[in-house]
All heavy atoms as atom14 arrays in JSON, in Angstrom:
{
  "sequence": "GSNDDWYWLYATVSCKCLLLTNDEMRDHLFQLLGSSFFPRWKEKHQI",
  "atom14_mask": [
    [1, 1, 1, 1, 0, 0, 0, 0, 0, 0, 0, 0, 0, 0],
    [1, 1, 1, 1, 1, 1, 0, 0, 0, 0, 0, 0, 0, 0],
    [1, 1, 1, 1, 1, 1, 1, 1, 0, 0, 0, 0, 0, 0],
    [1, 1, 1, 1, 1, 1, 1, 1, 0, 0, 0, 0, 0, 0],
    [1, 1, 1, 1, 1, 1, 1, 1, 0, 0, 0, 0, 0, 0],
    [1, 1, 1, 1, 1, 1, 1, 1, 1, 1, 1, 1, 1, 1],
    [1, 1, 1, 1, 1, 1, 1, 1, 1, 1, 1, 1, 0, 0],
    [1, 1, 1, 1, 1, 1, 1, 1, 1, 1, 1, 1, 1, 1],
    [1, 1, 1, 1, 1, 1, 1, 1, 0, 0, 0, 0, 0, 0],
    [1, 1, 1, 1, 1, 1, 1, 1, 1, 1, 1, 1, 0, 0],
    [1, 1, 1, 1, 1, 0, 0, 0, 0, 0, 0, 0, 0, 0],
    [1, 1, 1, 1, 1, 1, 1, 0, 0, 0, 0, 0, 0, 0],
    [1, 1, 1, 1, 1, 1, 1, 0, 0, 0, 0, 0, 0, 0],
    [1, 1, 1, 1, 1, 1, 0, 0, 0, 0, 0, 0, 0, 0],
    [1, 1, 1, 1, 1, 1, 0, 0, 0, 0, 0, 0, 0, 0],
    [1, 1, 1, 1, 1, 1, 1, 1, 1, 0, 0, 0, 0, 0],
    [1, 1, 1, 1, 1, 1, 0, 0, 0, 0, 0, 0, 0, 0],
    [1, 1, 1, 1, 1, 1, 1, 1, 0, 0, 0, 0, 0, 0],
    [1, 1, 1, 1, 1, 1, 1, 1, 0, 0, 0, 0, 0, 0],
    [1, 1, 1, 1, 1, 1, 1, 1, 0, 0, 0, 0, 0, 0],
    [1, 1, 1, 1, 1, 1, 1, 0, 0, 0, 0, 0, 0, 0],
    [1, 1, 1, 1, 1, 1, 1, 1, 0, 0, 0, 0, 0, 0],
    [1, 1, 1, 1, 1, 1, 1, 1, 0, 0, 0, 0, 0, 0],
    [1, 1, 1, 1, 1, 1, 1, 1, 1, 0, 0, 0, 0, 0],
    [1, 1, 1, 1, 1, 1, 1, 1, 0, 0, 0, 0, 0, 0],
    [1, 1, 1, 1, 1, 1, 1, 1, 1, 1, 1, 0, 0, 0],
    [1, 1, 1, 1, 1, 1, 1, 1, 0, 0, 0, 0, 0, 0],
    [1, 1, 1, 1, 1, 1, 1, 1, 1, 1, 0, 0, 0, 0],
    [1, 1, 1, 1, 1, 1, 1, 1, 0, 0, 0, 0, 0, 0],
    [1, 1, 1, 1, 1, 1, 1, 1, 1, 1, 1, 0, 0, 0],
    [1, 1, 1, 1, 1, 1, 1, 1, 1, 0, 0, 0, 0, 0],
    [1, 1, 1, 1, 1, 1, 1, 1, 0, 0, 0, 0, 0, 0],
    [1, 1, 1, 1, 1, 1, 1, 1, 0, 0, 0, 0, 0, 0],
    [1, 1, 1, 1, 0, 0, 0, 0, 0, 0, 0, 0, 0, 0],
    [1, 1, 1, 1, 1, 1, 0, 0, 0, 0, 0, 0, 0, 0],
    [1, 1, 1, 1, 1, 1, 0, 0, 0, 0, 0, 0, 0, 0],
    [1, 1, 1, 1, 1, 1, 1, 1, 1, 1, 1, 0, 0, 0],
    [1, 1, 1, 1, 1, 1, 1, 1, 1, 1, 1, 0, 0, 0],
    [1, 1, 1, 1, 1, 1, 1, 0, 0, 0, 0, 0, 0, 0],
    [1, 1, 1, 1, 1, 1, 1, 1, 1, 1, 1, 0, 0, 0],
    [1, 1, 1, 1, 1, 1, 1, 1, 1, 1, 1, 1, 1, 1],
    [1, 1, 1, 1, 1, 1, 1, 1, 1, 0, 0, 0, 0, 0],
    [1, 1, 1, 1, 1, 1, 1, 1, 1, 0, 0, 0, 0, 0],
    [1, 1, 1, 1, 1, 1, 1, 1, 1, 0, 0, 0, 0, 0],
    [1, 1, 1, 1, 1, 1, 1, 1, 1, 1, 0, 0, 0, 0],
    [1, 1, 1, 1, 1, 1, 1, 1, 1, 0, 0, 0, 0, 0],
    [1, 1, 1, 1, 1, 1, 1, 1, 0, 0, 0, 0, 0, 0]
  ],
  "atom14_positions": [
    [[108.85, 117.49, 85.19], [107.52, 117.65, 85.71], [106.67, 116.39, 85.68], [105.47, 116.4, 86.12], [0.0, 0.0, 0.0], [0.0, 0.0, 0.0], [0.0, 0.0, 0.0], [0.0, 0.0, 0.0], [0.0, 0.0, 0.0], [0.0, 0.0, 0.0], [0.0, 0.0, 0.0], [0.0, 0.0, 0.0], [0.0, 0.0, 0.0], [0.0, 0.0, 0.0]],
    [[107.17, 115.33, 85.15], [106.42, 114.09, 85.09], [106.65, 113.17, 86.27], [107.67, 113.32, 86.98], [106.65, 113.3, 83.86], [108.07, 112.89, 83.74], [0.0, 0.0, 0.0], [0.0, 0.0, 0.0], [0.0, 0.0, 0.0], [0.0, 0.0, 0.0], [0.0, 0.0, 0.0], [0.0, 0.0, 0.0], [0.0, 0.0, 0.0], [0.0, 0.0, 0.0]],
    [[105.82, 112.24, 86.4], [106.01, 111.23, 87.52], [106.34, 109.95, 86.88], [105.6, 109.27, 86.17], [104.71, 111.08, 88.36], [104.87, 110.26, 89.56], [105.62, 109.29, 89.61], [104.07, 110.55, 90.63], [0.0, 0.0, 0.0], [0.0, 0.0, 0.0], [0.0, 0.0, 0.0], [0.0, 0.0, 0.0], [0.0, 0.0, 0.0], [0.0, 0.0, 0.0]],
    [[107.55, 109.44, 87.18], [108.1, 108.11, 86.51], [107.11, 107.0, 86.74], [106.94, 106.27, 85.88], [109.39, 107.74, 87.12], [110.55, 108.72, 86.91], [110.23, 109.83, 86.36], [111.65, 108.35, 87.22], [0.0, 0.0, 0.0], [0.0, 0.0, 0.0], [0.0, 0.0, 0.0], [0.0, 0.0, 0.0], [0.0, 0.0, 0.0], [0.0, 0.0, 0.0]],
    [[106.48, 107.02, 87.97], [105.59, 105.89, 88.32], [104.53, 105.61, 87.24], [104.28, 104.39, 86.93], [104.95, 106.1, 89.67], [105.99, 106.15, 90.76], [107.18, 106.08, 90.48], [105.56, 106.32, 91.94], [0.0, 0.0, 0.0], [0.0, 0.0, 0.0], [0.0, 0.0, 0.0], [0.0, 0.0, 0.0], [0.0, 0.0, 0.0], [0.0, 0.0, 0.0]],
    [[103.92, 106.57, 86.72], [102.82, 106.34, 85.8], [103.43, 105.74, 84.53], [102.76, 104.86, 83.92], [102.21, 107.69, 85.4], [101.3, 108.33, 86.43], [101.42, 109.61, 86.99], [100.21, 107.73, 87.08], [100.47, 109.8, 87.94], [99.69, 108.64, 88.01], [99.58, 106.47, 87.02], [98.59, 108.41, 88.83], [98.43, 106.2, 87.83], [97.99, 107.17, 88.68]],
    [[104.55, 106.06, 84.15], [105.17, 105.57, 82.87], [105.56, 104.13, 82.98], [105.17, 103.35, 82.08], [106.4, 106.43, 82.52], [106.05, 107.76, 81.97], [105.75, 108.83, 82.9], [106.13, 108.16, 80.68], [105.34, 110.16, 82.49], [105.77, 109.41, 80.18], [105.4, 110.37, 81.06], [105.07, 111.61, 80.67], [0.0, 0.0, 0.0], [0.0, 0.0, 0.0]],
    [[106.23, 103.73, 84.1], [106.6, 102.25, 84.13], [105.41, 101.41, 84.45], [105.3, 100.27, 83.99], [107.77, 102.0, 85.13], [107.68, 102.53, 86.5], [108.46, 103.53, 87.02], [106.98, 102.1, 87.6], [108.3, 103.71, 88.31], [107.39, 102.81, 88.76], [106.09, 101.0, 87.83], [106.8, 102.6, 90.04], [105.5, 100.82, 89.05], [105.91, 101.58, 90.16]],
    [[104.43, 101.91, 85.1], [103.2, 101.1, 85.4], [102.37, 100.94, 84.11], [101.97, 99.84, 83.81], [102.3, 101.77, 86.39], [101.01, 101.02, 86.91], [101.41, 99.6, 87.32], [100.25, 101.82, 87.92], [0.0, 0.0, 0.0], [0.0, 0.0, 0.0], [0.0, 0.0, 0.0], [0.0, 0.0, 0.0], [0.0, 0.0, 0.0], [0.0, 0.0, 0.0]],
    [[102.24, 102.02, 83.36], [101.44, 101.95, 82.06], [102.15, 101.04, 81.1], [101.54, 100.21, 80.41], [101.35, 103.37, 81.47], [100.62, 103.27, 80.14], [99.24, 103.17, 79.93], [101.37, 103.27, 78.9], [98.61, 103.1, 78.75], [100.79, 103.11, 77.69], [99.38, 103.0, 77.61], [98.81, 102.92, 76.38], [0.0, 0.0, 0.0], [0.0, 0.0, 0.0]],
    [[103.53, 101.17, 80.99], [104.24, 100.28, 80.04], [104.12, 98.82, 80.4], [103.91, 97.97, 79.49], [105.76, 100.74, 80.06], [0.0, 0.0, 0.0], [0.0, 0.0, 0.0], [0.0, 0.0, 0.0], [0.0, 0.0, 0.0], [0.0, 0.0, 0.0], [0.0, 0.0, 0.0], [0.0, 0.0, 0.0], [0.0, 0.0, 0.0], [0.0, 0.0, 0.0]],
    [[104.12, 98.47, 81.71], [104.03, 97.1, 82.14], [102.63, 96.53, 81.77], [102.55, 95.43, 81.25], [104.3, 96.97, 83.65], [105.51, 97.52, 83.97], [104.25, 95.52, 84.06], [0.0, 0.0, 0.0], [0.0, 0.0, 0.0], [0.0, 0.0, 0.0], [0.0, 0.0, 0.0], [0.0, 0.0, 0.0], [0.0, 0.0, 0.0], [0.0, 0.0, 0.0]],
    [[101.63, 97.31, 82.09], [100.25, 96.83, 81.79], [100.03, 96.72, 80.24], [99.44, 95.79, 79.81], [99.24, 97.8, 82.39], [97.83, 97.38, 82.07], [99.31, 97.73, 83.91], [0.0, 0.0, 0.0], [0.0, 0.0, 0.0], [0.0, 0.0, 0.0], [0.0, 0.0, 0.0], [0.0, 0.0, 0.0], [0.0, 0.0, 0.0], [0.0, 0.0, 0.0]],
    [[100.52, 97.73, 79.6], [100.38, 97.73, 78.1], [101.07, 96.62, 77.38], [100.54, 95.96, 76.5], [100.88, 99.08, 77.59], [100.8, 99.08, 76.24], [0.0, 0.0, 0.0], [0.0, 0.0, 0.0], [0.0, 0.0, 0.0], [0.0, 0.0, 0.0], [0.0, 0.0, 0.0], [0.0, 0.0, 0.0], [0.0, 0.0, 0.0], [0.0, 0.0, 0.0]],
    [[102.27, 96.33, 77.98], [102.99, 95.2, 77.3], [102.7, 93.78, 77.87], [103.25, 92.79, 77.45], [104.56, 95.47, 77.53], [105.18, 96.86, 76.58], [0.0, 0.0, 0.0], [0.0, 0.0, 0.0], [0.0, 0.0, 0.0], [0.0, 0.0, 0.0], [0.0, 0.0, 0.0], [0.0, 0.0, 0.0], [0.0, 0.0, 0.0], [0.0, 0.0, 0.0]],
    [[101.82, 93.79, 78.9], [101.48, 92.49, 79.6], [102.72, 91.73, 79.99], [102.93, 90.55, 79.75], [100.61, 91.69, 78.7], [99.26, 92.33, 78.24], [98.53, 91.33, 77.36], [97.16, 91.87, 77.0], [97.21, 93.05, 76.1], [0.0, 0.0, 0.0], [0.0, 0.0, 0.0], [0.0, 0.0, 0.0], [0.0, 0.0, 0.0], [0.0, 0.0, 0.0]],
    [[103.66, 92.47, 80.65], [104.9, 91.92, 80.98], [105.25, 92.09, 82.51], [104.38, 92.4, 83.25], [106.02, 92.54, 80.12], [106.27, 94.34, 80.55], [0.0, 0.0, 0.0], [0.0, 0.0, 0.0], [0.0, 0.0, 0.0], [0.0, 0.0, 0.0], [0.0, 0.0, 0.0], [0.0, 0.0, 0.0], [0.0, 0.0, 0.0], [0.0, 0.0, 0.0]],
    [[106.47, 91.72, 82.96], [106.92, 91.79, 84.24], [107.41, 93.2, 84.58], [107.9, 93.85, 83.71], [108.01, 90.78, 84.5], [107.63, 89.29, 84.37], [108.79, 88.33, 84.45], [106.58, 88.94, 85.48], [0.0, 0.0, 0.0], [0.0, 0.0, 0.0], [0.0, 0.0, 0.0], [0.0, 0.0, 0.0], [0.0, 0.0, 0.0], [0.0, 0.0, 0.0]],
    [[107.33, 93.56, 85.9], [107.81, 94.82, 86.28], [108.82, 94.67, 87.4], [108.57, 94.01, 88.46], [106.65, 95.64, 86.83], [106.99, 96.88, 87.67], [107.67, 98.0, 86.85], [105.73, 97.46, 88.33], [0.0, 0.0, 0.0], [0.0, 0.0, 0.0], [0.0, 0.0, 0.0], [0.0, 0.0, 0.0], [0.0, 0.0, 0.0], [0.0, 0.0, 0.0]],
    [[110.04, 95.2, 87.26], [111.03, 95.12, 88.39], [111.06, 96.47, 89.16], [111.46, 97.51, 88.65], [112.39, 94.91, 87.71], [113.62, 94.94, 88.71], [113.44, 93.94, 89.86], [114.92, 94.72, 87.99], [0.0, 0.0, 0.0], [0.0, 0.0, 0.0], [0.0, 0.0, 0.0], [0.0, 0.0, 0.0], [0.0, 0.0, 0.0], [0.0, 0.0, 0.0]],
    [[110.57, 96.39, 90.34], [110.65, 97.49, 91.26], [110.52, 96.99, 92.77], [109.75, 96.03, 92.92], [109.54, 98.53, 90.99], [109.72, 99.62, 91.95], [108.21, 97.9, 91.11], [0.0, 0.0, 0.0], [0.0, 0.0, 0.0], [0.0, 0.0, 0.0], [0.0, 0.0, 0.0], [0.0, 0.0, 0.0], [0.0, 0.0, 0.0], [0.0, 0.0, 0.0]],
    [[111.04, 97.66, 93.7], [110.87, 97.31, 95.11], [109.82, 98.29, 95.69], [109.55, 98.16, 96.89], [112.15, 97.5, 95.9], [113.13, 96.26, 95.69], [112.72, 95.26, 95.05], [114.33, 96.31, 96.3], [0.0, 0.0, 0.0], [0.0, 0.0, 0.0], [0.0, 0.0, 0.0], [0.0, 0.0, 0.0], [0.0, 0.0, 0.0], [0.0, 0.0, 0.0]],
    [[109.24, 99.05, 94.89], [108.21, 99.96, 95.35], [106.96, 99.1, 95.64], [106.51, 98.3, 94.83], [107.88, 100.97, 94.25], [106.94, 102.05, 94.63], [106.13, 101.84, 95.54], [106.97, 103.18, 94.08], [0.0, 0.0, 0.0], [0.0, 0.0, 0.0], [0.0, 0.0, 0.0], [0.0, 0.0, 0.0], [0.0, 0.0, 0.0], [0.0, 0.0, 0.0]],
    [[106.45, 99.19, 96.84], [105.31, 98.39, 97.22], [103.98, 98.92, 96.71], [102.93, 98.37, 96.82], [105.19, 98.31, 98.76], [106.35, 97.39, 99.32], [106.3, 96.03, 98.86], [105.22, 95.49, 98.6], [107.4, 95.39, 98.74], [0.0, 0.0, 0.0], [0.0, 0.0, 0.0], [0.0, 0.0, 0.0], [0.0, 0.0, 0.0], [0.0, 0.0, 0.0]],
    [[104.05, 100.17, 96.05], [102.89, 100.72, 95.39], [101.65, 100.96, 96.28], [100.55, 100.45, 96.01], [102.54, 99.91, 94.12], [103.67, 99.93, 92.98], [103.29, 98.9, 91.65], [104.29, 97.4, 92.02], [0.0, 0.0, 0.0], [0.0, 0.0, 0.0], [0.0, 0.0, 0.0], [0.0, 0.0, 0.0], [0.0, 0.0, 0.0], [0.0, 0.0, 0.0]],
    [[101.92, 101.54, 97.44], [100.9, 101.71, 98.38], [100.48, 103.2, 98.58], [99.51, 103.49, 99.32], [101.26, 101.17, 99.77], [101.43, 99.67, 99.78], [101.41, 99.23, 101.33], [101.74, 97.83, 101.36], [102.73, 97.32, 101.94], [103.7, 98.11, 102.43], [102.96, 95.97, 101.95], [0.0, 0.0, 0.0], [0.0, 0.0, 0.0], [0.0, 0.0, 0.0]],
    [[101.21, 104.09, 97.97], [101.0, 105.54, 98.31], [99.75, 106.03, 97.58], [99.02, 105.33, 96.87], [102.2, 106.44, 97.87], [102.56, 106.37, 96.43], [101.71, 106.08, 95.65], [103.71, 106.64, 96.1], [0.0, 0.0, 0.0], [0.0, 0.0, 0.0], [0.0, 0.0, 0.0], [0.0, 0.0, 0.0], [0.0, 0.0, 0.0], [0.0, 0.0, 0.0]],
    [[99.48, 107.37, 97.77], [98.21, 107.82, 97.27], [98.11, 107.76, 95.74], [96.92, 107.55, 95.22], [98.12, 109.39, 97.62], [99.03, 110.22, 96.78], [100.5, 110.26, 97.17], [98.9, 111.08, 95.81], [101.05, 111.13, 96.31], [100.18, 111.59, 95.45], [0.0, 0.0, 0.0], [0.0, 0.0, 0.0], [0.0, 0.0, 0.0], [0.0, 0.0, 0.0]],
    [[99.17, 107.75, 95.0], [99.07, 107.65, 93.56], [98.44, 106.29, 93.21], [97.56, 106.29, 92.29], [100.57, 107.74, 93.06], [100.72, 107.76, 91.49], [102.04, 108.43, 91.12], [100.74, 106.27, 90.93], [0.0, 0.0, 0.0], [0.0, 0.0, 0.0], [0.0, 0.0, 0.0], [0.0, 0.0, 0.0], [0.0, 0.0, 0.0], [0.0, 0.0, 0.0]],
    [[98.86, 105.2, 93.86], [98.3, 103.93, 93.47], [96.91, 103.72, 94.1], [96.1, 102.9, 93.52], [99.27, 102.81, 93.87], [100.59, 102.92, 93.13], [101.71, 103.48, 93.84], [100.79, 102.64, 91.85], [102.9, 103.6, 93.24], [102.0, 102.76, 91.27], [103.06, 103.23, 91.9], [0.0, 0.0, 0.0], [0.0, 0.0, 0.0], [0.0, 0.0, 0.0]],
    [[96.6, 104.4, 95.13], [95.31, 104.28, 95.73], [94.24, 104.91, 94.77], [93.11, 104.56, 94.78], [95.28, 105.02, 97.13], [95.99, 104.25, 98.17], [96.06, 105.03, 99.47], [95.43, 106.04, 99.64], [96.9, 104.57, 100.36], [0.0, 0.0, 0.0], [0.0, 0.0, 0.0], [0.0, 0.0, 0.0], [0.0, 0.0, 0.0], [0.0, 0.0, 0.0]],
    [[94.7, 105.81, 93.79], [93.84, 106.4, 92.94], [93.25, 105.3, 91.95], [92.2, 105.54, 91.37], [94.52, 107.5, 92.08], [94.95, 108.77, 92.87], [95.79, 109.65, 91.88], [93.69, 109.49, 93.31], [0.0, 0.0, 0.0], [0.0, 0.0, 0.0], [0.0, 0.0, 0.0], [0.0, 0.0, 0.0], [0.0, 0.0, 0.0], [0.0, 0.0, 0.0]],
    [[94.02, 104.27, 91.78], [93.49, 103.2, 90.93], [92.26, 102.58, 91.47], [91.43, 102.03, 90.75], [94.59, 102.19, 90.75], [95.79, 102.65, 90.03], [96.91, 101.59, 90.08], [95.55, 102.94, 88.6], [0.0, 0.0, 0.0], [0.0, 0.0, 0.0], [0.0, 0.0, 0.0], [0.0, 0.0, 0.0], [0.0, 0.0, 0.0], [0.0, 0.0, 0.0]],
    [[92.1, 102.55, 92.79], [90.85, 102.17, 93.51], [90.27, 100.87, 92.99], [89.09, 100.81, 92.68], [0.0, 0.0, 0.0], [0.0, 0.0, 0.0], [0.0, 0.0, 0.0], [0.0, 0.0, 0.0], [0.0, 0.0, 0.0], [0.0, 0.0, 0.0], [0.0, 0.0, 0.0], [0.0, 0.0, 0.0], [0.0, 0.0, 0.0], [0.0, 0.0, 0.0]],
    [[91.05, 99.85, 92.84], [90.53, 98.55, 92.24], [91.09, 97.36, 93.07], [92.25, 97.25, 93.4], [90.99, 98.46, 90.87], [90.72, 97.13, 90.32], [0.0, 0.0, 0.0], [0.0, 0.0, 0.0], [0.0, 0.0, 0.0], [0.0, 0.0, 0.0], [0.0, 0.0, 0.0], [0.0, 0.0, 0.0], [0.0, 0.0, 0.0], [0.0, 0.0, 0.0]],
    [[90.15, 96.47, 93.31], [90.58, 95.18, 93.98], [91.46, 94.32, 93.07], [92.12, 93.38, 93.5], [89.44, 94.38, 94.48], [88.65, 94.0, 93.34], [0.0, 0.0, 0.0], [0.0, 0.0, 0.0], [0.0, 0.0, 0.0], [0.0, 0.0, 0.0], [0.0, 0.0, 0.0], [0.0, 0.0, 0.0], [0.0, 0.0, 0.0], [0.0, 0.0, 0.0]],
    [[91.37, 94.72, 91.76], [92.23, 94.03, 90.76], [93.69, 94.25, 90.95], [94.58, 93.38, 90.65], [91.73, 94.42, 89.36], [92.55, 93.85, 88.29], [92.38, 92.57, 87.77], [93.61, 94.7, 87.68], [93.12, 92.12, 86.64], [94.38, 94.15, 86.6], [94.13, 92.83, 86.19], [0.0, 0.0, 0.0], [0.0, 0.0, 0.0], [0.0, 0.0, 0.0]],
    [[94.13, 95.49, 91.26], [95.49, 95.88, 91.33], [96.42, 95.03, 92.21], [97.39, 94.64, 91.71], [95.62, 97.37, 91.76], [97.03, 97.85, 91.68], [97.67, 97.86, 90.54], [97.6, 98.4, 92.8], [99.01, 98.29, 90.37], [98.94, 98.92, 92.76], [99.59, 98.84, 91.54], [0.0, 0.0, 0.0], [0.0, 0.0, 0.0], [0.0, 0.0, 0.0]],
    [[96.0, 94.65, 93.47], [96.78, 93.77, 94.27], [97.04, 92.47, 93.58], [98.13, 91.85, 93.63], [96.06, 93.57, 95.57], [95.19, 94.82, 95.6], [94.81, 95.05, 94.25], [0.0, 0.0, 0.0], [0.0, 0.0, 0.0], [0.0, 0.0, 0.0], [0.0, 0.0, 0.0], [0.0, 0.0, 0.0], [0.0, 0.0, 0.0], [0.0, 0.0, 0.0]],
    [[96.05, 91.87, 92.93], [96.18, 90.6, 92.22], [97.1, 90.74, 91.03], [97.89, 89.84, 90.82], [94.76, 90.11, 91.78], [93.94, 89.72, 92.94], [92.61, 89.08, 92.45], [91.7, 90.11, 91.9], [90.96, 90.09, 90.84], [90.99, 88.93, 90.14], [90.14, 91.0, 90.36], [0.0, 0.0, 0.0], [0.0, 0.0, 0.0], [0.0, 0.0, 0.0]],
    [[96.96, 91.82, 90.35], [97.84, 92.0, 89.14], [99.24, 92.25, 89.61], [100.19, 91.57, 89.08], [97.36, 93.31, 88.43], [98.3, 93.65, 87.2], [98.22, 93.23, 86.01], [99.41, 94.49, 87.32], [99.22, 93.72, 85.25], [100.03, 94.45, 85.95], [100.04, 95.21, 88.29], [101.15, 95.23, 85.71], [101.21, 95.94, 88.01], [101.74, 95.91, 86.73]],
    [[99.53, 92.97, 90.64], [100.77, 93.21, 91.16], [101.54, 91.98, 91.62], [102.67, 91.73, 91.35], [100.74, 94.23, 92.29], [102.13, 94.64, 92.83], [102.05, 95.74, 93.95], [101.71, 95.06, 95.25], [101.95, 95.92, 96.36], [0.0, 0.0, 0.0], [0.0, 0.0, 0.0], [0.0, 0.0, 0.0], [0.0, 0.0, 0.0], [0.0, 0.0, 0.0]],
    [[100.77, 91.04, 92.28], [101.37, 89.77, 92.77], [101.93, 89.0, 91.53], [102.93, 88.32, 91.76], [100.26, 89.05, 93.55], [100.74, 87.68, 94.06], [99.62, 87.0, 94.86], [98.86, 86.19, 94.16], [99.57, 87.14, 96.05], [0.0, 0.0, 0.0], [0.0, 0.0, 0.0], [0.0, 0.0, 0.0], [0.0, 0.0, 0.0], [0.0, 0.0, 0.0]],
    [[101.24, 89.03, 90.47], [101.61, 88.1, 89.42], [102.65, 88.78, 88.49], [103.24, 88.09, 87.69], [100.41, 87.86, 88.53], [99.41, 86.71, 89.15], [98.27, 86.44, 88.27], [97.48, 85.3, 88.68], [98.15, 84.08, 88.59], [0.0, 0.0, 0.0], [0.0, 0.0, 0.0], [0.0, 0.0, 0.0], [0.0, 0.0, 0.0], [0.0, 0.0, 0.0]],
    [[102.88, 90.08, 88.6], [103.8, 90.76, 87.68], [105.03, 91.42, 88.28], [105.94, 91.74, 87.53], [103.0, 91.84, 86.87], [102.0, 91.32, 85.94], [100.74, 90.89, 86.35], [102.04, 91.04, 84.64], [100.03, 90.48, 85.3], [100.78, 90.49, 84.31], [0.0, 0.0, 0.0], [0.0, 0.0, 0.0], [0.0, 0.0, 0.0], [0.0, 0.0, 0.0]],
    [[105.05, 91.62, 89.57], [106.17, 92.33, 90.2], [107.29, 91.41, 90.6], [107.27, 90.47, 91.25], [105.7, 93.07, 91.49], [106.82, 93.95, 92.07], [106.32, 94.74, 93.28], [105.25, 94.55, 93.78], [107.18, 95.55, 93.81], [0.0, 0.0, 0.0], [0.0, 0.0, 0.0], [0.0, 0.0, 0.0], [0.0, 0.0, 0.0], [0.0, 0.0, 0.0]],
    [[108.57, 91.85, 90.01], [109.78, 91.29, 90.42], [110.47, 92.25, 91.4], [110.42, 93.43, 91.21], [110.73, 91.03, 89.22], [110.1, 90.22, 88.18], [112.08, 90.47, 89.68], [110.94, 89.99, 86.94], [0.0, 0.0, 0.0], [0.0, 0.0, 0.0], [0.0, 0.0, 0.0], [0.0, 0.0, 0.0], [0.0, 0.0, 0.0], [0.0, 0.0, 0.0]]
  ]
}
């Protein structure tokens, strides 16, 4: 019943580390974050 996306995103932000995924993180779930910060953060952390 859980959504994996929340778990790997939270873990990455919490650990201030890199994230390996090909998910472009554009769907409604990530739009809920509603922040101009998110694209900048993603660019620096996504592998």
